[in-house]
Structure formats: C-alpha cells, structure tokens
C-alpha cells in the first residue's frame, strides 16, 4: 500500500512536470515566432526606407546633372 501510494505520487509529479514543460515549450515557440515576425517587419521597413533614400539620391543627381548642363549651355551661348 505504501509502495503504491509512493508510485502514485511520483506519477502525479511526473504528469505535472510534463504538463508544465509542454506549456513552457509552447510559450517559447510562440515567443520566438513573435520575435521573428517583429524582426522581419522591422527589416522590411528599413529596406523600404533605404530604397526611398536611394531613389531620392538618384533624382538629386539627375537634377544636379541637368542644372550643370544648363549652365554650360549658357556659357557656350
């Protein structure tokens, strides 16, 4: 009887620990997934900002190049 009670208590502890570890594993998986999603959103936004900066730089160079050509044309006249 004492042995059966001991085994029953041990099984109960093992079941409780198994449930805890399962819940912990699920929580970690969800947390890691959320971090990955957040990082992807952050990097996507950063990439878009860099692309806009690049486009603005190209446009600025184009405008500057056009202005210098206009000034050269004035001196040639």
PDB file of N, CA and C in Angstrom:
ATOM      1  N   UNK A   1       0.828  -1.200   0.000  1.00  0.00           N
ATOM      2  CA  UNK A   1       0.000   0.000   0.000  1.00  0.00           C
ATOM      3  C   UNK A   1       0.867   1.257   0.000  1.00  0.00           C
ATOM      4  N   UNK A   2       1.922   1.252   0.830  1.00  0.00           N
ATOM      5  CA  UNK A   2       2.808   2.412   0.888  1.00  0.00           C
ATOM      6  C   UNK A   2       3.559   2.580  -0.430  1.00  0.00           C
ATOM      7  N   UNK A   3       3.971   1.449  -1.004  1.00  0.00           N
ATOM      8  CA  UNK A   3       4.663   1.496  -2.299  1.00  0.00           C
ATOM      9  C   UNK A   3       3.757   2.027  -3.387  1.00  0.00           C
ATOM     10  N   UNK A   4       2.491   1.608  -3.372  1.00  0.00           N
ATOM     11  CA  UNK A   4       1.537   2.073  -4.383  1.00  0.00           C
ATOM     12  C   UNK A   4       1.285   3.568  -4.235  1.00  0.00           C
ATOM     13  N   UNK A   5       1.204   4.045  -2.998  1.00  0.00           N
ATOM     14  CA  UNK A   5       0.989   5.479  -2.756  1.00  0.00           C
ATOM     15  C   UNK A   5       2.191   6.278  -3.241  1.00  0.00           C
ATOM     16  N   UNK A   6       3.390   5.748  -2.985  1.00  0.00           N
ATOM     17  CA  UNK A   6       4.615   6.417  -3.427  1.00  0.00           C
ATOM     18  C   UNK A   6       4.657   6.509  -4.951  1.00  0.00           C
ATOM     19  N   UNK A   7       4.332   5.385  -5.613  1.00  0.00           N
ATOM     20  CA  UNK A   7       4.325   5.376  -7.077  1.00  0.00           C
ATOM     21  C   UNK A   7       3.246   6.304  -7.635  1.00  0.00           C
ATOM     22  N   UNK A   8       2.098   6.342  -6.980  1.00  0.00           N
ATOM     23  CA  UNK A   8       1.021   7.237  -7.422  1.00  0.00           C
ATOM     24  C   UNK A   8       1.432   8.698  -7.308  1.00  0.00           C
ATOM     25  N   UNK A   9       2.104   9.042  -6.204  1.00  0.00           N
ATOM     26  CA  UNK A   9       2.569  10.424  -6.014  1.00  0.00           C
ATOM     27  C   UNK A   9       3.649  10.773  -7.033  1.00  0.00           C
ATOM     28  N   UNK A  10       4.541   9.821  -7.302  1.00  0.00           N
ATOM     29  CA  UNK A  10       5.604  10.061  -8.285  1.00  0.00           C
ATOM     30  C   UNK A  10       5.010  10.262  -9.674  1.00  0.00           C
ATOM     31  N   UNK A  11       4.005   9.446 -10.023  1.00  0.00           N
ATOM     32  CA  UNK A  11       3.355   9.591 -11.329  1.00  0.00           C
ATOM     33  C   UNK A  11       2.669  10.946 -11.433  1.00  0.00           C
ATOM     34  N   UNK A  12       2.047  11.372 -10.354  1.00  0.00           N
ATOM     35  CA  UNK A  12       1.369  12.668 -10.345  1.00  0.00           C
ATOM     36  C   UNK A  12       2.371  13.801 -10.569  1.00  0.00           C
ATOM     37  N   UNK A  13       3.537  13.732  -9.890  1.00  0.00           N
ATOM     38  CA  UNK A  13       4.573  14.758 -10.070  1.00  0.00           C
ATOM     39  C   UNK A  13       5.097  14.762 -11.504  1.00  0.00           C
ATOM     40  N   UNK A  14       5.303  13.567 -12.043  1.00  0.00           N
ATOM     41  CA  UNK A  14       5.804  13.462 -13.419  1.00  0.00           C
ATOM     42  C   UNK A  14       4.784  14.036 -14.398  1.00  0.00           C
ATOM     43  N   UNK A  15       3.514  13.724 -14.198  1.00  0.00           N
ATOM     44  CA  UNK A  15       2.462  14.268 -15.072  1.00  0.00           C
ATOM     45  C   UNK A  15       2.413  15.792 -14.996  1.00  0.00           C
ATOM     46  N   UNK A  16       2.541  16.327 -13.774  1.00  0.00           N
ATOM     47  CA  UNK A  16       2.521  17.780 -13.590  1.00  0.00           C
ATOM     48  C   UNK A  16       3.721  18.422 -14.284  1.00  0.00           C
ATOM     49  N   UNK A  17       4.898  17.823 -14.128  1.00  0.00           N
ATOM     50  CA  UNK A  17       6.098  18.362 -14.765  1.00  0.00           C
ATOM     51  C   UNK A  17       6.001  18.270 -16.283  1.00  0.00           C
ATOM     52  N   UNK A  18       5.431  17.182 -16.775  1.00  0.00           N
ATOM     53  CA  UNK A  18       5.266  17.019 -18.215  1.00  0.00           C
ATOM     54  C   UNK A  18       4.338  18.095 -18.770  1.00  0.00           C
ATOM     55  N   UNK A  19       3.252  18.359 -18.073  1.00  0.00           N
ATOM     56  CA  UNK A  19       2.316  19.398 -18.490  1.00  0.00           C
ATOM     57  C   UNK A  19       2.988  20.769 -18.473  1.00  0.00           C
ATOM     58  N   UNK A  20       3.751  21.048 -17.410  1.00  0.00           N
ATOM     59  CA  UNK A  20       4.463  22.320 -17.300  1.00  0.00           C
ATOM     60  C   UNK A  20       5.440  22.496 -18.456  1.00  0.00           C
ATOM     61  N   UNK A  21       6.224  21.452 -18.746  1.00  0.00           N
ATOM     62  CA  UNK A  21       7.210  21.537 -19.821  1.00  0.00           C
ATOM     63  C   UNK A  21       6.550  21.702 -21.184  1.00  0.00           C
ATOM     64  N   UNK A  22       5.421  21.052 -21.373  1.00  0.00           N
ATOM     65  CA  UNK A  22       4.688  21.202 -22.629  1.00  0.00           C
ATOM     66  C   UNK A  22       4.198  22.636 -22.803  1.00  0.00           C
ATOM     67  N   UNK A  23       3.635  23.208 -21.731  1.00  0.00           N
ATOM     68  CA  UNK A  23       3.178  24.599 -21.784  1.00  0.00           C
ATOM     69  C   UNK A  23       4.342  25.560 -21.980  1.00  0.00           C
ATOM     70  N   UNK A  24       5.465  25.293 -21.321  1.00  0.00           N
ATOM     71  CA  UNK A  24       6.651  26.134 -21.462  1.00  0.00           C
ATOM     72  C   UNK A  24       7.169  26.095 -22.894  1.00  0.00           C
ATOM     73  N   UNK A  25       7.208  24.913 -23.472  1.00  0.00           N
ATOM     74  CA  UNK A  25       7.664  24.762 -24.852  1.00  0.00           C
ATOM     75  C   UNK A  25       6.763  25.532 -25.818  1.00  0.00           C
ATOM     76  N   UNK A  26       5.453  25.444 -25.618  1.00  0.00           N
ATOM     77  CA  UNK A  26       4.513  26.191 -26.460  1.00  0.00           C
ATOM     78  C   UNK A  26       4.729  27.694 -26.323  1.00  0.00           C
ATOM     79  N   UNK A  27       4.934  28.155 -25.097  1.00  0.00           N
ATOM     80  CA  UNK A  27       5.155  29.585 -24.861  1.00  0.00           C
ATOM     81  C   UNK A  27       6.443  30.060 -25.527  1.00  0.00           C
ATOM     82  N   UNK A  28       7.486  29.261 -25.440  1.00  0.00           N
ATOM     83  CA  UNK A  28       8.759  29.624 -26.073  1.00  0.00           C
ATOM     84  C   UNK A  28       8.596  29.679 -27.586  1.00  0.00           C
ATOM     85  N   UNK A  29       7.909  28.693 -28.160  1.00  0.00           N
ATOM     86  CA  UNK A  29       7.680  28.690 -29.607  1.00  0.00           C
ATOM     87  C   UNK A  29       6.923  29.934 -30.052  1.00  0.00           C
ATOM     88  N   UNK A  30       5.887  30.301 -29.304  1.00  0.00           N
ATOM     89  CA  UNK A  30       5.110  31.496 -29.647  1.00  0.00           C
ATOM     90  C   UNK A  30       5.963  32.748 -29.517  1.00  0.00           C
ATOM     91  N   UNK A  31       6.761  32.818 -28.468  1.00  0.00           N
ATOM     92  CA  UNK A  31       7.622  33.982 -28.251  1.00  0.00           C
ATOM     93  C   UNK A  31       8.654  34.139 -29.348  1.00  0.00           C
ATOM     94  N   UNK A  32       9.290  33.045 -29.731  1.00  0.00           N
ATOM     95  CA  UNK A  32      10.283  33.093 -30.804  1.00  0.00           C
ATOM     96  C   UNK A  32       9.611  33.485 -32.117  1.00  0.00           C
ATOM     97  N   UNK A  33       8.437  32.938 -32.377  1.00  0.00           N
ATOM     98  CA  UNK A  33       7.707  33.297 -33.597  1.00  0.00           C
ATOM     99  C   UNK A  33       7.379  34.777 -33.646  1.00  0.00           C
ATOM    100  N   UNK A  34       6.977  35.333 -32.512  1.00  0.00           N
ATOM    101  CA  UNK A  34       6.654  36.762 -32.459  1.00  0.00           C
ATOM    102  C   UNK A  34       7.904  37.604 -32.684  1.00  0.00           C
ATOM    103  N   UNK A  35       9.035  37.182 -32.123  1.00  0.00           N
ATOM    104  CA  UNK A  35      10.284  37.925 -32.323  1.00  0.00           C
ATOM    105  C   UNK A  35      10.716  37.894 -33.779  1.00  0.00           C
ATOM    106  N   UNK A  36      10.595  36.742 -34.412  1.00  0.00           N
ATOM    107  CA  UNK A  36      10.970  36.624 -35.823  1.00  0.00           C
ATOM    108  C   UNK A  36      10.074  37.516 -36.674  1.00  0.00           C
ATOM    109  N   UNK A  37       8.760  37.501 -36.392  1.00  0.00           N
ATOM    110  CA  UNK A  37       7.837  38.355 -37.140  1.00  0.00           C
ATOM    111  C   UNK A  37       8.177  39.822 -36.946  1.00  0.00           C
ATOM    112  N   UNK A  38       8.480  40.212 -35.715  1.00  0.00           N
ATOM    113  CA  UNK A  38       8.807  41.613 -35.427  1.00  0.00           C
ATOM    114  C   UNK A  38      10.081  42.022 -36.150  1.00  0.00           C
ATOM    115  N   UNK A  39      11.093  41.148 -36.146  1.00  0.00           N
ATOM    116  CA  UNK A  39      12.340  41.460 -36.834  1.00  0.00           C
ATOM    117  C   UNK A  39      12.126  41.578 -38.335  1.00  0.00           C
ATOM    118  N   UNK A  40      11.295  40.709 -38.893  1.00  0.00           N
ATOM    119  CA  UNK A  40      11.032  40.769 -40.332  1.00  0.00           C
ATOM    120  C   UNK A  40      10.318  42.066 -40.689  1.00  0.00           C
ATOM    121  N   UNK A  41       9.351  42.479 -39.870  1.00  0.00           N
ATOM    122  CA  UNK A  41       8.648  43.733 -40.128  1.00  0.00           C
ATOM    123  C   UNK A  41       9.601  44.913 -40.028  1.00  0.00           C
ATOM    124  N   UNK A  42      10.465  44.891 -39.031  1.00  0.00           N
ATOM    125  CA  UNK A  42      11.435  45.978 -38.838  1.00  0.00           C
ATOM    126  C   UNK A  42      12.390  46.054 -40.026  1.00  0.00           C
ATOM    127  N   UNK A  43      12.908  44.923 -40.451  1.00  0.00           N
ATOM    128  CA  UNK A  43      13.859  44.904 -41.561  1.00  0.00           C
ATOM    129  C   UNK A  43      13.193  45.280 -42.878  1.00  0.00           C
ATOM    130  N   UNK A  44      11.949  44.870 -43.056  1.00  0.00           N
ATOM    131  CA  UNK A  44      11.215  45.245 -44.268  1.00  0.00           C
ATOM    132  C   UNK A  44      11.026  46.755 -44.333  1.00  0.00           C
ATOM    133  N   UNK A  45      10.672  47.360 -43.206  1.00  0.00           N
ATOM    134  CA  UNK A  45      10.502  48.811 -43.141  1.00  0.00           C
ATOM    135  C   UNK A  45      11.830  49.509 -43.394  1.00  0.00           C
ATOM    136  N   UNK A  46      12.895  48.983 -42.830  1.00  0.00           N
ATOM    137  CA  UNK A  46      14.230  49.570 -43.030  1.00  0.00           C
ATOM    138  C   UNK A  46      14.639  49.490 -44.501  1.00  0.00           C
ATOM    139  N   UNK A  47      14.370  48.364 -45.133  1.00  0.00           N
ATOM    140  CA  UNK A  47      14.693  48.204 -46.549  1.00  0.00           C
ATOM    141  C   UNK A  47      13.933  49.217 -47.393  1.00  0.00           C
ATOM    142  N   UNK A  48      12.659  49.399 -47.111  1.00  0.00           N
ATOM    143  CA  UNK A  48      11.863  50.375 -47.861  1.00  0.00           C
ATOM    144  C   UNK A  48      12.414  51.782 -47.683  1.00  0.00           C
ATOM    145  N   UNK A  49      12.814  52.129 -46.470  1.00  0.00           N
ATOM    146  CA  UNK A  49      13.376  53.460 -46.217  1.00  0.00           C
ATOM    147  C   UNK A  49      14.677  53.649 -46.993  1.00  0.00           C
ATOM    148  N   UNK A  50      15.520  52.628 -47.020  1.00  0.00           N
ATOM    149  CA  UNK A  50      16.777  52.724 -47.764  1.00  0.00           C
ATOM    150  C   UNK A  50      16.530  52.836 -49.264  1.00  0.00           C
ATOM    151  N   UNK A  51      15.516  52.134 -49.761  1.00  0.00           N
ATOM    152  CA  UNK A  51      15.193  52.222 -51.185  1.00  0.00           C
ATOM    153  C   UNK A  51      14.697  53.615 -51.551  1.00  0.00           C
ATOM    154  N   UNK A  52      13.898  54.211 -50.682  1.00  0.00           N
ATOM    155  CA  UNK A  52      13.416  55.575 -50.926  1.00  0.00           C
ATOM    156  C   UNK A  52      14.594  56.545 -50.912  1.00  0.00           C
ATOM    157  N   UNK A  53      15.511  56.378 -49.970  1.00  0.00           N
ATOM    158  CA  UNK A  53      16.698  57.239 -49.921  1.00  0.00           C
ATOM    159  C   UNK A  53      17.519  57.100 -51.195  1.00  0.00           C
ATOM    160  N   UNK A  54      17.655  55.893 -51.679  1.00  0.00           N
ATOM    161  CA  UNK A  54      18.403  55.659 -52.911  1.00  0.00           C
ATOM    162  C   UNK A  54      17.726  56.354 -54.085  1.00  0.00           C
ATOM    163  N   UNK A  55      16.409  56.227 -54.186  1.00  0.00           N
ATOM    164  CA  UNK A  55      15.677  56.873 -55.275  1.00  0.00           C
ATOM    165  C   UNK A  55      15.811  58.390 -55.206  1.00  0.00           C
ATOM    166  N   UNK A  56      15.736  58.949 -54.006  1.00  0.00           N
ATOM    167  CA  UNK A  56      15.896  60.393 -53.847  1.00  0.00           C
ATOM    168  C   UNK A  56      17.307  60.832 -54.237  1.00  0.00           C
ATOM    169  N   UNK A  57      18.297  60.044 -53.892  1.00  0.00           N
ATOM    170  CA  UNK A  57      19.675  60.355 -54.275  1.00  0.00           C
ATOM    171  C   UNK A  57      19.854  60.347 -55.779  1.00  0.00           C
ATOM    172  N   UNK A  58      19.265  59.373 -56.434  1.00  0.00           N
ATOM    173  CA  UNK A  58      19.352  59.292 -57.898  1.00  0.00           C
ATOM    174  C   UNK A  58      18.671  60.497 -58.536  1.00  0.00           C
ATOM    175  N   UNK A  59      17.509  60.870 -58.022  1.00  0.00           N
ATOM    176  CA  UNK A  59      16.803  62.038 -58.556  1.00  0.00           C
ATOM    177  C   UNK A  59      17.603  63.313 -58.328  1.00  0.00           C
ATOM    178  N   UNK A  60      18.221  63.443 -57.161  1.00  0.00           N
ATOM    179  CA  UNK A  60      19.025  64.633 -56.870  1.00  0.00           C
ATOM    180  C   UNK A  60      20.211  64.721 -57.822  1.00  0.00           C
ATOM    181  N   UNK A  61      20.864  63.599 -58.085  1.00  0.00           N
ATOM    182  CA  UNK A  61      21.981  63.596 -59.035  1.00  0.00           C
ATOM    183  C   UNK A  61      21.515  63.954 -60.436  1.00  0.00           C
ATOM    184  N   UNK A  62      20.364  63.454 -60.806  1.00  0.00           N
ATOM    185  CA  UNK A  62      19.811  63.762 -62.128  1.00  0.00           C
ATOM    186  C   UNK A  62      19.521  65.252 -62.263  1.00  0.00           C
ATOM    187  N   UNK A  63      18.934  65.832 -61.220  1.00  0.00           N
ATOM    188  CA  UNK A  63      18.627  67.271 -61.240  1.00  0.00           C
ATOM    189  C   UNK A  63      19.920  68.075 -61.276  1.00  0.00           C
ATOM    190  N   UNK A  64      20.890  67.698 -60.454  1.00  0.00           N
ATOM    191  CA  UNK A  64      22.166  68.421 -60.422  1.00  0.00           C
ATOM    192  C   UNK A  64      22.873  68.324 -61.763  1.00  0.00           C
ATOM    193  N   UNK A  65      22.841  67.172 -62.372  1.00  0.00           N
ATOM    194  CA  UNK A  65      23.475  66.984 -63.678  1.00  0.00           C
ATOM    195  C   UNK A  65      22.776  67.829 -64.731  1.00  0.00           C
ATOM    196  N   UNK A  66      21.459  67.874 -64.681  1.00  0.00           N
ATOM    197  CA  UNK A  66      20.698  68.695 -65.637  1.00  0.00           C
ATOM    198  C   UNK A  66      20.991  70.168 -65.463  1.00  0.00           C
ATOM    199  N   UNK A  67      21.125  70.636 -64.223  1.00  0.00           N
ATOM    200  CA  UNK A  67      21.426  72.040 -63.957  1.00  0.00           C
ATOM    201  C   UNK A  67      22.809  72.410 -64.479  1.00  0.00           C
ATOM    202  N   UNK A  68      23.780  71.546 -64.292  1.00  0.00           N
ATOM    203  CA  UNK A  68      25.130  71.856 -64.772  1.00  0.00           C
ATOM    204  C   UNK A  68      25.155  71.914 -66.295  1.00  0.00           C
ATOM    205  N   UNK A  69      24.366  71.083 -66.936  1.00  0.00           N
ATOM    206  CA  UNK A  69      24.295  71.120 -68.400  1.00  0.00           C
ATOM    207  C   UNK A  69      23.669  72.433 -68.868  1.00  0.00           C
ATOM    208  N   UNK A  70      22.673  72.908 -68.142  1.00  0.00           N
ATOM    209  CA  UNK A  70      22.028  74.183 -68.495  1.00  0.00           C
ATOM    210  C   UNK A  70      23.001  75.337 -68.323  1.00  0.00           C
ATOM    211  N   UNK A  71      23.780  75.329 -67.260  1.00  0.00           N
ATOM    212  CA  UNK A  71      24.762  76.398 -67.023  1.00  0.00           C
ATOM    213  C   UNK A  71      25.838  76.370 -68.100  1.00  0.00           C
ATOM    214  N   UNK A  72      26.297  75.180 -68.468  1.00  0.00           N
ATOM    215  CA  UNK A  72      27.289  75.074 -69.541  1.00  0.00           C
ATOM    216  C   UNK A  72      26.735  75.599 -70.855  1.00  0.00           C
ATOM    217  N   UNK A  73      25.469  75.334 -71.110  1.00  0.00           N
ATOM    218  CA  UNK A  73      24.843  75.819 -72.347  1.00  0.00           C
ATOM    219  C   UNK A  73      24.789  77.340 -72.348  1.00  0.00           C
ATOM    220  N   UNK A  74      24.563  77.966 -71.194  1.00  0.00           N
ATOM    221  CA  UNK A  74      24.537  79.426 -71.108  1.00  0.00           C
ATOM    222  C   UNK A  74      25.911  80.015 -71.418  1.00  0.00           C
ATOM    223  N   UNK A  75      26.966  79.385 -70.919  1.00  0.00           N
ATOM    224  CA  UNK A  75      28.314  79.894 -71.178  1.00  0.00           C
ATOM    225  C   UNK A  75      28.714  79.718 -72.638  1.00  0.00           C
ATOM    226  N   UNK A  76      28.191  78.699 -73.283  1.00  0.00           N
ATOM    227  CA  UNK A  76      28.524  78.456 -74.685  1.00  0.00           C
ATOM    228  C   UNK A  76      27.841  79.465 -75.596  1.00  0.00           C
ATOM    229  N   UNK A  77      26.752  80.056 -75.137  1.00  0.00           N
ATOM    230  CA  UNK A  77      25.986  80.974 -75.977  1.00  0.00           C
ATOM    231  C   UNK A  77      26.665  82.256 -76.201  1.00  0.00           C
TER     232      UNK A  77
END
